[in-house]
Amino acid sequence: YALLVPKGTFSSCSESEVKKNVLSPSSAPSLPSPPPPLPNISREETIKIVVENAEKNAVFVSTTGYTSRELFEIREAQKHSHNQDFLMIGGMGHASSVALGIALAQPSRPVYVLDGDGAL
């Protein structure tokens, strides 16, 4: 699964609103019906969409296994350099930490971390 949330999707609310809704959920406004389910999308299709929409100077950090293999193949097919790819082959569970380090060291560059459910 992929969860991509565009900036501005969620509105801000005050601390008192959060406390009111958490402490007395009956007073919380009713939520709208959920949207219809989206069609299934594969991991590889998701990675391709992320790569195609990423900034030119973006850094990619990917988890071990198929995710790194697919990222490599997609970037290769699109004639992208692998200079900004950090493929965590054999490093399960470390992709988010590596991505955080890169983001802190190079705050002007977007960093995308492609990780799996086993790392959470």
PDB file of N, CA and C in Angstrom:
ATOM      1  N   TYR A   1       0.819  -1.179   0.000  1.00  0.00           N
ATOM      2  CA  TYR A   1       0.000   0.000   0.000  1.00  0.00           C
ATOM      3  C   TYR A   1       0.865   1.245   0.000  1.00  0.00           C
ATOM      4  N   ALA A   2       0.343   2.309  -0.581  1.00  0.00           N
ATOM      5  CA  ALA A   2       1.029   3.602  -0.561  1.00  0.00           C
ATOM      6  C   ALA A   2       0.044   4.643  -0.062  1.00  0.00           C
ATOM      7  N   LEU A   3       0.513   5.524   0.760  1.00  0.00           N
ATOM      8  CA  LEU A   3      -0.307   6.612   1.262  1.00  0.00           C
ATOM      9  C   LEU A   3       0.411   7.906   0.922  1.00  0.00           C
ATOM     10  N   LEU A   4      -0.076   8.588  -0.106  1.00  0.00           N
ATOM     11  CA  LEU A   4       0.503   9.857  -0.534  1.00  0.00           C
ATOM     12  C   LEU A   4      -0.503  10.945  -0.214  1.00  0.00           C
ATOM     13  N   VAL A   5      -0.122  11.874   0.627  1.00  0.00           N
ATOM     14  CA  VAL A   5      -1.030  12.929   1.069  1.00  0.00           C
ATOM     15  C   VAL A   5      -0.470  14.273   0.629  1.00  0.00           C
ATOM     16  N   PRO A   6      -1.153  14.944  -0.308  1.00  0.00           N
ATOM     17  CA  PRO A   6      -0.664  16.252  -0.760  1.00  0.00           C
ATOM     18  C   PRO A   6      -0.754  17.296   0.347  1.00  0.00           C
ATOM     19  N   LYS A   7       0.184  18.233   0.308  1.00  0.00           N
ATOM     20  CA  LYS A   7       0.197  19.330   1.266  1.00  0.00           C
ATOM     21  C   LYS A   7      -1.140  20.068   1.195  1.00  0.00           C
ATOM     22  N   GLY A   8      -1.676  20.433   2.341  1.00  0.00           N
ATOM     23  CA  GLY A   8      -2.940  21.162   2.400  1.00  0.00           C
ATOM     24  C   GLY A   8      -4.164  20.264   2.464  1.00  0.00           C
ATOM     25  N   THR A   9      -3.972  18.940   2.488  1.00  0.00           N
ATOM     26  CA  THR A   9      -5.100  18.012   2.548  1.00  0.00           C
ATOM     27  C   THR A   9      -5.855  18.145   3.863  1.00  0.00           C
ATOM     28  N   PHE A  10      -5.116  18.286   4.953  1.00  0.00           N
ATOM     29  CA  PHE A  10      -5.729  18.360   6.268  1.00  0.00           C
ATOM     30  C   PHE A  10      -5.780  19.809   6.729  1.00  0.00           C
ATOM     31  N   SER A  11      -6.917  20.183   7.286  1.00  0.00           N
ATOM     32  CA  SER A  11      -7.035  21.539   7.814  1.00  0.00           C
ATOM     33  C   SER A  11      -6.485  21.564   9.237  1.00  0.00           C
ATOM     34  N   SER A  12      -6.079  22.732   9.658  1.00  0.00           N
ATOM     35  CA  SER A  12      -5.560  22.848  11.018  1.00  0.00           C
ATOM     36  C   SER A  12      -6.721  22.990  11.998  1.00  0.00           C
ATOM     37  N   CYS A  13      -6.456  22.654  13.244  1.00  0.00           N
ATOM     38  CA  CYS A  13      -7.461  22.846  14.282  1.00  0.00           C
ATOM     39  C   CYS A  13      -6.731  23.177  15.578  1.00  0.00           C
ATOM     40  N   SER A  14      -7.447  23.799  16.472  1.00  0.00           N
ATOM     41  CA  SER A  14      -6.839  24.230  17.730  1.00  0.00           C
ATOM     42  C   SER A  14      -6.720  23.053  18.698  1.00  0.00           C
ATOM     43  N   GLU A  15      -5.891  23.242  19.704  1.00  0.00           N
ATOM     44  CA  GLU A  15      -5.710  22.206  20.714  1.00  0.00           C
ATOM     45  C   GLU A  15      -7.025  21.935  21.444  1.00  0.00           C
ATOM     46  N   SER A  16      -7.816  22.986  21.674  1.00  0.00           N
ATOM     47  CA  SER A  16      -9.091  22.791  22.376  1.00  0.00           C
ATOM     48  C   SER A  16     -10.054  21.945  21.541  1.00  0.00           C
ATOM     49  N   GLU A  17     -10.031  22.123  20.219  1.00  0.00           N
ATOM     50  CA  GLU A  17     -10.883  21.295  19.355  1.00  0.00           C
ATOM     51  C   GLU A  17     -10.467  19.830  19.425  1.00  0.00           C
ATOM     52  N   VAL A  18      -9.162  19.584  19.433  1.00  0.00           N
ATOM     53  CA  VAL A  18      -8.666  18.214  19.515  1.00  0.00           C
ATOM     54  C   VAL A  18      -9.101  17.595  20.837  1.00  0.00           C
ATOM     55  N   LYS A  19      -8.902  18.316  21.949  1.00  0.00           N
ATOM     56  CA  LYS A  19      -9.281  17.793  23.262  1.00  0.00           C
ATOM     57  C   LYS A  19     -10.780  17.529  23.333  1.00  0.00           C
ATOM     58  N   LYS A  20     -11.555  18.455  22.795  1.00  0.00           N
ATOM     59  CA  LYS A  20     -13.011  18.306  22.822  1.00  0.00           C
ATOM     60  C   LYS A  20     -13.435  17.058  22.050  1.00  0.00           C
ATOM     61  N   ASN A  21     -12.883  16.866  20.868  1.00  0.00           N
ATOM     62  CA  ASN A  21     -13.282  15.740  20.032  1.00  0.00           C
ATOM     63  C   ASN A  21     -12.729  14.414  20.525  1.00  0.00           C
ATOM     64  N   VAL A  22     -11.555  14.431  21.150  1.00  0.00           N
ATOM     65  CA  VAL A  22     -10.975  13.196  21.663  1.00  0.00           C
ATOM     66  C   VAL A  22     -11.638  12.808  22.972  1.00  0.00           C
ATOM     67  N   LEU A  23     -11.862  13.801  23.857  1.00  0.00           N
ATOM     68  CA  LEU A  23     -12.427  13.504  25.166  1.00  0.00           C
ATOM     69  C   LEU A  23     -13.926  13.275  25.129  1.00  0.00           C
ATOM     70  N   SER A  24     -14.603  13.875  24.178  1.00  0.00           N
ATOM     71  CA  SER A  24     -16.046  13.647  24.055  1.00  0.00           C
ATOM     72  C   SER A  24     -16.389  13.416  22.584  1.00  0.00           C
ATOM     73  N   PRO A  25     -16.102  12.202  22.090  1.00  0.00           N
ATOM     74  CA  PRO A  25     -16.299  11.920  20.672  1.00  0.00           C
ATOM     75  C   PRO A  25     -17.741  12.082  20.200  1.00  0.00           C
ATOM     76  N   SER A  26     -18.706  11.992  21.124  1.00  0.00           N
ATOM     77  CA  SER A  26     -20.100  12.151  20.703  1.00  0.00           C
ATOM     78  C   SER A  26     -20.364  13.561  20.194  1.00  0.00           C
ATOM     79  N   SER A  27     -19.563  14.528  20.636  1.00  0.00           N
ATOM     80  CA  SER A  27     -19.765  15.900  20.186  1.00  0.00           C
ATOM     81  C   SER A  27     -19.010  16.197  18.891  1.00  0.00           C
ATOM     82  N   ALA A  28     -18.210  15.252  18.444  1.00  0.00           N
ATOM     83  CA  ALA A  28     -17.449  15.460  17.210  1.00  0.00           C
ATOM     84  C   ALA A  28     -18.398  15.454  16.016  1.00  0.00           C
ATOM     85  N   PRO A  29     -18.106  16.263  15.021  1.00  0.00           N
ATOM     86  CA  PRO A  29     -18.966  16.264  13.839  1.00  0.00           C
ATOM     87  C   PRO A  29     -18.906  14.911  13.135  1.00  0.00           C
ATOM     88  N   SER A  30     -20.011  14.546  12.497  1.00  0.00           N
ATOM     89  CA  SER A  30     -20.025  13.269  11.786  1.00  0.00           C
ATOM     90  C   SER A  30     -19.143  13.373  10.545  1.00  0.00           C
ATOM     91  N   LEU A  31     -18.523  12.279  10.220  1.00  0.00           N
ATOM     92  CA  LEU A  31     -17.619  12.248   9.079  1.00  0.00           C
ATOM     93  C   LEU A  31     -18.381  11.901   7.808  1.00  0.00           C
ATOM     94  N   PRO A  32     -17.930  12.413   6.679  1.00  0.00           N
ATOM     95  CA  PRO A  32     -18.588  12.057   5.421  1.00  0.00           C
ATOM     96  C   PRO A  32     -18.323  10.593   5.085  1.00  0.00           C
ATOM     97  N   SER A  33     -19.119  10.060   4.198  1.00  0.00           N
ATOM     98  CA  SER A  33     -18.922   8.679   3.758  1.00  0.00           C
ATOM     99  C   SER A  33     -17.577   8.554   3.060  1.00  0.00           C
ATOM    100  N   PRO A  34     -16.919   7.423   3.228  1.00  0.00           N
ATOM    101  CA  PRO A  34     -15.624   7.258   2.561  1.00  0.00           C
ATOM    102  C   PRO A  34     -15.805   7.180   1.044  1.00  0.00           C
ATOM    103  N   PRO A  35     -14.789   7.570   0.305  1.00  0.00           N
ATOM    104  CA  PRO A  35     -14.886   7.486  -1.153  1.00  0.00           C
ATOM    105  C   PRO A  35     -14.889   6.025  -1.592  1.00  0.00           C
ATOM    106  N   PRO A  36     -15.315   5.760  -2.813  1.00  0.00           N
ATOM    107  CA  PRO A  36     -15.290   4.368  -3.281  1.00  0.00           C
ATOM    108  C   PRO A  36     -13.850   3.862  -3.335  1.00  0.00           C
ATOM    109  N   PRO A  37     -13.662   2.557  -3.199  1.00  0.00           N
ATOM    110  CA  PRO A  37     -12.302   2.020  -3.207  1.00  0.00           C
ATOM    111  C   PRO A  37     -11.606   2.282  -4.545  1.00  0.00           C
ATOM    112  N   LEU A  38     -10.310   2.519  -4.462  1.00  0.00           N
ATOM    113  CA  LEU A  38      -9.513   2.729  -5.663  1.00  0.00           C
ATOM    114  C   LEU A  38      -9.112   1.381  -6.251  1.00  0.00           C
ATOM    115  N   PRO A  39      -8.806   1.352  -7.531  1.00  0.00           N
ATOM    116  CA  PRO A  39      -8.351   0.082  -8.108  1.00  0.00           C
ATOM    117  C   PRO A  39      -7.012  -0.323  -7.494  1.00  0.00           C
ATOM    118  N   ASN A  40      -6.773  -1.612  -7.452  1.00  0.00           N
ATOM    119  CA  ASN A  40      -5.496  -2.097  -6.917  1.00  0.00           C
ATOM    120  C   ASN A  40      -4.355  -1.592  -7.784  1.00  0.00           C
ATOM    121  N   ILE A  41      -3.256  -1.266  -7.152  1.00  0.00           N
ATOM    122  CA  ILE A  41      -2.071  -0.808  -7.863  1.00  0.00           C
ATOM    123  C   ILE A  41      -0.878  -1.559  -7.284  1.00  0.00           C
ATOM    124  N   SER A  42      -0.015  -2.015  -8.148  1.00  0.00           N
ATOM    125  CA  SER A  42       1.125  -2.813  -7.688  1.00  0.00           C
ATOM    126  C   SER A  42       2.200  -1.926  -7.073  1.00  0.00           C
ATOM    127  N   ARG A  43       3.094  -2.557  -6.349  1.00  0.00           N
ATOM    128  CA  ARG A  43       4.229  -1.853  -5.764  1.00  0.00           C
ATOM    129  C   ARG A  43       5.050  -1.192  -6.871  1.00  0.00           C
ATOM    130  N   GLU A  44       5.303  -1.938  -7.947  1.00  0.00           N
ATOM    131  CA  GLU A  44       6.113  -1.410  -9.045  1.00  0.00           C
ATOM    132  C   GLU A  44       5.448  -0.204  -9.709  1.00  0.00           C
ATOM    133  N   GLU A  45       4.127  -0.275  -9.913  1.00  0.00           N
ATOM    134  CA  GLU A  45       3.409   0.874 -10.493  1.00  0.00           C
ATOM    135  C   GLU A  45       3.491   2.086  -9.566  1.00  0.00           C
ATOM    136  N   THR A  46       3.378   1.844  -8.271  1.00  0.00           N
ATOM    137  CA  THR A  46       3.458   2.933  -7.292  1.00  0.00           C
ATOM    138  C   THR A  46       4.833   3.591  -7.331  1.00  0.00           C
ATOM    139  N   ILE A  47       5.882   2.782  -7.352  1.00  0.00           N
ATOM    140  CA  ILE A  47       7.246   3.324  -7.414  1.00  0.00           C
ATOM    141  C   ILE A  47       7.429   4.133  -8.690  1.00  0.00           C
ATOM    142  N   LYS A  48       6.920   3.623  -9.792  1.00  0.00           N
ATOM    143  CA  LYS A  48       7.046   4.328 -11.078  1.00  0.00           C
ATOM    144  C   LYS A  48       6.375   5.698 -11.016  1.00  0.00           C
ATOM    145  N   ILE A  49       5.203   5.772 -10.422  1.00  0.00           N
ATOM    146  CA  ILE A  49       4.480   7.044 -10.294  1.00  0.00           C
ATOM    147  C   ILE A  49       5.273   8.019  -9.428  1.00  0.00           C
ATOM    148  N   VAL A  50       5.815   7.530  -8.321  1.00  0.00           N
ATOM    149  CA  VAL A  50       6.608   8.392  -7.435  1.00  0.00           C
ATOM    150  C   VAL A  50       7.830   8.924  -8.181  1.00  0.00           C
ATOM    151  N   VAL A  51       8.551   8.045  -8.869  1.00  0.00           N
ATOM    152  CA  VAL A  51       9.759   8.451  -9.601  1.00  0.00           C
ATOM    153  C   VAL A  51       9.417   9.468 -10.688  1.00  0.00           C
ATOM    154  N   GLU A  52       8.346   9.217 -11.430  1.00  0.00           N
ATOM    155  CA  GLU A  52       7.960  10.119 -12.521  1.00  0.00           C
ATOM    156  C   GLU A  52       7.573  11.506 -12.023  1.00  0.00           C
ATOM    157  N   ASN A  53       7.101  11.597 -10.794  1.00  0.00           N
ATOM    158  CA  ASN A  53       6.635  12.877 -10.265  1.00  0.00           C
ATOM    159  C   ASN A  53       7.607  13.535  -9.293  1.00  0.00           C
ATOM    160  N   ALA A  54       8.738  12.922  -9.087  1.00  0.00           N
ATOM    161  CA  ALA A  54       9.730  13.470  -8.154  1.00  0.00           C
ATOM    162  C   ALA A  54      10.537  14.580  -8.821  1.00  0.00           C
ATOM    163  N   GLU A  55      11.068  15.449  -7.987  1.00  0.00           N
ATOM    164  CA  GLU A  55      11.922  16.527  -8.458  1.00  0.00           C
ATOM    165  C   GLU A  55      13.210  15.944  -9.036  1.00  0.00           C
ATOM    166  N   LYS A  56      13.828  16.680  -9.945  1.00  0.00           N
ATOM    167  CA  LYS A  56      15.054  16.202 -10.615  1.00  0.00           C
ATOM    168  C   LYS A  56      16.190  15.934  -9.628  1.00  0.00           C
ATOM    169  N   ASN A  57      16.275  16.721  -8.563  1.00  0.00           N
ATOM    170  CA  ASN A  57      17.375  16.561  -7.609  1.00  0.00           C
ATOM    171  C   ASN A  57      17.003  15.678  -6.413  1.00  0.00           C
ATOM    172  N   ALA A  58      15.892  14.951  -6.524  1.00  0.00           N
ATOM    173  CA  ALA A  58      15.424  14.122  -5.410  1.00  0.00           C
ATOM    174  C   ALA A  58      16.368  12.954  -5.147  1.00  0.00           C
ATOM    175  N   VAL A  59      16.459  12.599  -3.880  1.00  0.00           N
ATOM    176  CA  VAL A  59      17.223  11.432  -3.444  1.00  0.00           C
ATOM    177  C   VAL A  59      16.216  10.332  -3.129  1.00  0.00           C
ATOM    178  N   PHE A  60      16.533   9.106  -3.536  1.00  0.00           N
ATOM    179  CA  PHE A  60      15.673   7.965  -3.252  1.00  0.00           C
ATOM    180  C   PHE A  60      16.405   6.996  -2.339  1.00  0.00           C
ATOM    181  N   VAL A  61      15.751   6.625  -1.250  1.00  0.00           N
ATOM    182  CA  VAL A  61      16.267   5.603  -0.347  1.00  0.00           C
ATOM    183  C   VAL A  61      15.224   4.496  -0.344  1.00  0.00           C
ATOM    184  N   SER A  62      15.648   3.274  -0.656  1.00  0.00           N
ATOM    185  CA  SER A  62      14.674   2.184  -0.736  1.00  0.00           C
ATOM    186  C   SER A  62      15.104   1.001   0.114  1.00  0.00           C
ATOM    187  N   THR A  63      14.107   0.298   0.599  1.00  0.00           N
ATOM    188  CA  THR A  63      14.327  -0.840   1.476  1.00  0.00           C
ATOM    189  C   THR A  63      14.891  -2.022   0.702  1.00  0.00           C
ATOM    190  N   THR A  64      15.306  -3.019   1.427  1.00  0.00           N
ATOM    191  CA  THR A  64      15.860  -4.225   0.827  1.00  0.00           C
ATOM    192  C   THR A  64      14.789  -4.989   0.039  1.00  0.00           C
ATOM    193  N   GLY A  65      15.193  -5.835  -0.849  1.00  0.00           N
ATOM    194  CA  GLY A  65      14.266  -6.695  -1.571  1.00  0.00           C
ATOM    195  C   GLY A  65      13.770  -6.115  -2.875  1.00  0.00           C
ATOM    196  N   TYR A  66      12.535  -6.506  -3.236  1.00  0.00           N
ATOM    197  CA  TYR A  66      11.973  -6.113  -4.528  1.00  0.00           C
ATOM    198  C   TYR A  66      11.871  -4.603  -4.694  1.00  0.00           C
ATOM    199  N   THR A  67      11.630  -3.885  -3.623  1.00  0.00           N
ATOM    200  CA  THR A  67      11.483  -2.430  -3.733  1.00  0.00           C
ATOM    201  C   THR A  67      12.740  -1.809  -4.328  1.00  0.00           C
ATOM    202  N   SER A  68      13.905  -2.179  -3.831  1.00  0.00           N
ATOM    203  CA  SER A  68      15.159  -1.639  -4.368  1.00  0.00           C
ATOM    204  C   SER A  68      15.401  -2.118  -5.793  1.00  0.00           C
ATOM    205  N   ARG A  69      15.102  -3.377  -6.061  1.00  0.00           N
ATOM    206  CA  ARG A  69      15.293  -3.900  -7.422  1.00  0.00           C
ATOM    207  C   ARG A  69      14.403  -3.163  -8.413  1.00  0.00           C
ATOM    208  N   GLU A  70      13.153  -2.962  -8.027  1.00  0.00           N
ATOM    209  CA  GLU A  70      12.217  -2.285  -8.927  1.00  0.00           C
ATOM    210  C   GLU A  70      12.583  -0.818  -9.106  1.00  0.00           C
ATOM    211  N   LEU A  71      12.995  -0.152  -8.033  1.00  0.00           N
ATOM    212  CA  LEU A  71      13.436   1.234  -8.157  1.00  0.00           C
ATOM    213  C   LEU A  71      14.619   1.319  -9.118  1.00  0.00           C
ATOM    214  N   PHE A  72      15.584   0.424  -8.975  1.00  0.00           N
ATOM    215  CA  PHE A  72      16.752   0.417  -9.857  1.00  0.00           C
ATOM    216  C   PHE A  72      16.314   0.260 -11.309  1.00  0.00           C
ATOM    217  N   GLU A  73      15.459  -0.723 -11.583  1.00  0.00           N
ATOM    218  CA  GLU A  73      15.018  -0.990 -12.959  1.00  0.00           C
ATOM    219  C   GLU A  73      14.225   0.178 -13.539  1.00  0.00           C
ATOM    220  N   ILE A  74      13.359   0.781 -12.746  1.00  0.00           N
ATOM    221  CA  ILE A  74      12.550   1.912 -13.219  1.00  0.00           C
ATOM    222  C   ILE A  74      13.453   3.094 -13.536  1.00  0.00           C
ATOM    223  N   ARG A  75      14.378   3.402 -12.653  1.00  0.00           N
ATOM    224  CA  ARG A  75      15.291   4.530 -12.886  1.00  0.00           C
ATOM    225  C   ARG A  75      16.199   4.237 -14.080  1.00  0.00           C
ATOM    226  N   GLU A  76      16.603   3.004 -14.247  1.00  0.00           N
ATOM    227  CA  GLU A  76      17.424   2.599 -15.393  1.00  0.00           C
ATOM    228  C   GLU A  76      16.635   2.777 -16.697  1.00  0.00           C
ATOM    229  N   ALA A  77      15.385   2.314 -16.715  1.00  0.00           N
ATOM    230  CA  ALA A  77      14.545   2.421 -17.915  1.00  0.00           C
ATOM    231  C   ALA A  77      14.287   3.875 -18.295  1.00  0.00           C
ATOM    232  N   GLN A  78      14.233   4.753 -17.294  1.00  0.00           N
ATOM    233  CA  GLN A  78      13.988   6.175 -17.556  1.00  0.00           C
ATOM    234  C   GLN A  78      15.286   6.950 -17.764  1.00  0.00           C
ATOM    235  N   LYS A  79      16.397   6.211 -17.875  1.00  0.00           N
ATOM    236  CA  LYS A  79      17.714   6.822 -18.135  1.00  0.00           C
ATOM    237  C   LYS A  79      18.130   7.806 -17.039  1.00  0.00           C
ATOM    238  N   HIS A  80      17.723   7.520 -15.800  1.00  0.00           N
ATOM    239  CA  HIS A  80      18.111   8.358 -14.666  1.00  0.00           C
ATOM    240  C   HIS A  80      19.424   7.852 -14.086  1.00  0.00           C
ATOM    241  N   SER A  81      20.191   8.759 -13.541  1.00  0.00           N
ATOM    242  CA  SER A  81      21.431   8.397 -12.861  1.00  0.00           C
ATOM    243  C   SER A  81      21.098   7.714 -11.535  1.00  0.00           C
ATOM    244  N   HIS A  82      21.968   6.819 -11.128  1.00  0.00           N
ATOM    245  CA  HIS A  82      21.788   6.162  -9.831  1.00  0.00           C
ATOM    246  C   HIS A  82      22.613   6.853  -8.753  1.00  0.00           C
ATOM    247  N   ASN A  83      23.191   8.006  -9.079  1.00  0.00           N
ATOM    248  CA  ASN A  83      24.024   8.741  -8.124  1.00  0.00           C
ATOM    249  C   ASN A  83      23.253   9.199  -6.898  1.00  0.00           C
ATOM    250  N   GLN A  84      21.948   9.365  -7.032  1.00  0.00           N
ATOM    251  CA  GLN A  84      21.156   9.854  -5.909  1.00  0.00           C
ATOM    252  C   GLN A  84      20.236   8.771  -5.344  1.00  0.00           C
ATOM    253  N   ASP A  85      20.569   7.517  -5.632  1.00  0.00           N
ATOM    254  CA  ASP A  85      19.806   6.383  -5.106  1.00  0.00           C
ATOM    255  C   ASP A  85      20.610   5.709  -3.998  1.00  0.00           C
ATOM    256  N   PHE A  86      19.948   5.393  -2.896  1.00  0.00           N
ATOM    257  CA  PHE A  86      20.579   4.646  -1.814  1.00  0.00           C
ATOM    258  C   PHE A  86      19.732   3.398  -1.623  1.00  0.00           C
ATOM    259  N   LEU A  87      20.167   2.303  -2.226  1.00  0.00           N
ATOM    260  CA  LEU A  87      19.417   1.053  -2.190  1.00  0.00           C
ATOM    261  C   LEU A  87      19.889   0.241  -0.989  1.00  0.00           C
ATOM    262  N   MET A  88      18.988  -0.002  -0.061  1.00  0.00           N
ATOM    263  CA  MET A  88      19.341  -0.644   1.212  1.00  0.00           C
ATOM    264  C   MET A  88      19.377  -2.167   1.073  1.00  0.00           C
ATOM    265  N   ILE A  89      20.214  -2.663   0.180  1.00  0.00           N
ATOM    266  CA  ILE A  89      20.336  -4.105   0.000  1.00  0.00           C
ATOM    267  C   ILE A  89      20.949  -4.694   1.273  1.00  0.00           C
ATOM    268  N   GLY A  90      20.204  -5.590   1.905  1.00  0.00           N
ATOM    269  CA  GLY A  90      20.689  -6.208   3.132  1.00  0.00           C
ATOM    270  C   GLY A  90      20.549  -5.338   4.366  1.00  0.00           C
ATOM    271  N   GLY A  91      19.810  -4.244   4.260  1.00  0.00           N
ATOM    272  CA  GLY A  91      19.668  -3.334   5.395  1.00  0.00           C
ATOM    273  C   GLY A  91      18.221  -3.139   5.807  1.00  0.00           C
ATOM    274  N   MET A  92      17.484  -4.234   5.973  1.00  0.00           N
ATOM    275  CA  MET A  92      16.071  -4.131   6.311  1.00  0.00           C
ATOM    276  C   MET A  92      15.864  -3.332   7.597  1.00  0.00           C
ATOM    277  N   GLY A  93      14.923  -2.398   7.539  1.00  0.00           N
ATOM    278  CA  GLY A  93      14.569  -1.616   8.717  1.00  0.00           C
ATOM    279  C   GLY A  93      15.373  -0.347   8.899  1.00  0.00           C
ATOM    280  N   HIS A  94      16.314  -0.076   8.007  1.00  0.00           N
ATOM    281  CA  HIS A  94      17.172   1.091   8.176  1.00  0.00           C
ATOM    282  C   HIS A  94      16.889   2.212   7.179  1.00  0.00           C
ATOM    283  N   ALA A  95      16.016   1.995   6.216  1.00  0.00           N
ATOM    284  CA  ALA A  95      15.797   2.991   5.156  1.00  0.00           C
ATOM    285  C   ALA A  95      15.340   4.334   5.719  1.00  0.00           C
ATOM    286  N   SER A  96      14.414   4.328   6.654  1.00  0.00           N
ATOM    287  CA  SER A  96      13.911   5.605   7.175  1.00  0.00           C
ATOM    288  C   SER A  96      14.998   6.365   7.934  1.00  0.00           C
ATOM    289  N   SER A  97      15.853   5.647   8.651  1.00  0.00           N
ATOM    290  CA  SER A  97      16.946   6.307   9.380  1.00  0.00           C
ATOM    291  C   SER A  97      17.959   6.915   8.421  1.00  0.00           C
ATOM    292  N   VAL A  98      18.297   6.187   7.371  1.00  0.00           N
ATOM    293  CA  VAL A  98      19.230   6.704   6.365  1.00  0.00           C
ATOM    294  C   VAL A  98      18.618   7.918   5.670  1.00  0.00           C
ATOM    295  N   ALA A  99      17.339   7.820   5.311  1.00  0.00           N
ATOM    296  CA  ALA A  99      16.659   8.938   4.643  1.00  0.00           C
ATOM    297  C   ALA A  99      16.620  10.170   5.543  1.00  0.00           C
ATOM    298  N   LEU A 100      16.372   9.973   6.824  1.00  0.00           N
ATOM    299  CA  LEU A 100      16.364  11.101   7.759  1.00  0.00           C
ATOM    300  C   LEU A 100      17.739  11.759   7.813  1.00  0.00           C
ATOM    301  N   GLY A 101      18.781  10.961   7.870  1.00  0.00           N
ATOM    302  CA  GLY A 101      20.133  11.506   7.889  1.00  0.00           C
ATOM    303  C   GLY A 101      20.440  12.327   6.652  1.00  0.00           C
ATOM    304  N   ILE A 102      20.030  11.825   5.490  1.00  0.00           N
ATOM    305  CA  ILE A 102      20.251  12.563   4.238  1.00  0.00           C
ATOM    306  C   ILE A 102      19.457  13.864   4.253  1.00  0.00           C
ATOM    307  N   ALA A 103      18.204  13.789   4.685  1.00  0.00           N
ATOM    308  CA  ALA A 103      17.345  14.985   4.715  1.00  0.00           C
ATOM    309  C   ALA A 103      17.905  16.047   5.660  1.00  0.00           C
ATOM    310  N   LEU A 104      18.445  15.628   6.789  1.00  0.00           N
ATOM    311  CA  LEU A 104      19.028  16.587   7.732  1.00  0.00           C
ATOM    312  C   LEU A 104      20.328  17.179   7.190  1.00  0.00           C
ATOM    313  N   ALA A 105      21.102  16.362   6.489  1.00  0.00           N
ATOM    314  CA  ALA A 105      22.383  16.829   5.948  1.00  0.00           C
ATOM    315  C   ALA A 105      22.214  17.706   4.715  1.00  0.00           C
ATOM    316  N   GLN A 106      21.137  17.467   3.956  1.00  0.00           N
ATOM    317  CA  GLN A 106      20.898  18.222   2.722  1.00  0.00           C
ATOM    318  C   GLN A 106      19.448  18.709   2.703  1.00  0.00           C
ATOM    319  N   PRO A 107      19.101  19.658   3.550  1.00  0.00           N
ATOM    320  CA  PRO A 107      17.704  20.077   3.686  1.00  0.00           C
ATOM    321  C   PRO A 107      17.091  20.681   2.418  1.00  0.00           C
ATOM    322  N   SER A 108      17.899  21.101   1.473  1.00  0.00           N
ATOM    323  CA  SER A 108      17.346  21.694   0.254  1.00  0.00           C
ATOM    324  C   SER A 108      16.943  20.641  -0.776  1.00  0.00           C
ATOM    325  N   ARG A 109      17.296  19.384  -0.538  1.00  0.00           N
ATOM    326  CA  ARG A 109      16.965  18.325  -1.498  1.00  0.00           C
ATOM    327  C   ARG A 109      15.802  17.489  -0.983  1.00  0.00           C
ATOM    328  N   PRO A 110      14.837  17.201  -1.859  1.00  0.00           N
ATOM    329  CA  PRO A 110      13.758  16.305  -1.449  1.00  0.00           C
ATOM    330  C   PRO A 110      14.287  14.875  -1.315  1.00  0.00           C
ATOM    331  N   VAL A 111      13.828  14.182  -0.290  1.00  0.00           N
ATOM    332  CA  VAL A 111      14.252  12.805  -0.049  1.00  0.00           C
ATOM    333  C   VAL A 111      13.009  11.929   0.005  1.00  0.00           C
ATOM    334  N   TYR A 112      12.993  10.894  -0.824  1.00  0.00           N
ATOM    335  CA  TYR A 112      11.889   9.942  -0.844  1.00  0.00           C
ATOM    336  C   TYR A 112      12.390   8.631  -0.266  1.00  0.00           C
ATOM    337  N   VAL A 113      11.667   8.107   0.709  1.00  0.00           N
ATOM    338  CA  VAL A 113      12.024   6.811   1.277  1.00  0.00           C
ATOM    339  C   VAL A 113      10.920   5.826   0.900  1.00  0.00           C
ATOM    340  N   LEU A 114      11.323   4.736   0.278  1.00  0.00           N
ATOM    341  CA  LEU A 114      10.396   3.686  -0.137  1.00  0.00           C
ATOM    342  C   LEU A 114      10.661   2.498   0.773  1.00  0.00           C
ATOM    343  N   ASP A 115       9.758   2.288   1.715  1.00  0.00           N
ATOM    344  CA  ASP A 115       9.967   1.274   2.739  1.00  0.00           C
ATOM    345  C   ASP A 115       8.766   0.348   2.785  1.00  0.00           C
ATOM    346  N   GLY A 116       8.923  -0.790   3.412  1.00  0.00           N
ATOM    347  CA  GLY A 116       7.846  -1.763   3.492  1.00  0.00           C
ATOM    348  C   GLY A 116       7.259  -1.872   4.877  1.00  0.00           C
ATOM    349  N   ASP A 117       6.193  -2.636   4.971  1.00  0.00           N
ATOM    350  CA  ASP A 117       5.494  -2.773   6.243  1.00  0.00           C
ATOM    351  C   ASP A 117       6.336  -3.487   7.293  1.00  0.00           C
ATOM    352  N   GLY A 118       7.321  -4.246   6.898  1.00  0.00           N
ATOM    353  CA  GLY A 118       8.170  -4.942   7.857  1.00  0.00           C
ATOM    354  C   GLY A 118       9.062  -4.016   8.661  1.00  0.00           C
ATOM    355  N   ALA A 119       9.237  -2.791   8.191  1.00  0.00           N
ATOM    356  CA  ALA A 119      10.114  -1.846   8.880  1.00  0.00           C
ATOM    357  C   ALA A 119       9.366  -1.008   9.901  1.00  0.00           C
ATOM    358  N   LEU A 120       8.066  -1.086   9.914  1.00  0.00           N
ATOM    359  CA  LEU A 120       7.286  -0.233  10.816  1.00  0.00           C
ATOM    360  C   LEU A 120       7.079  -0.890  12.161  1.00  0.00           C
TER     361      LEU A 120
END
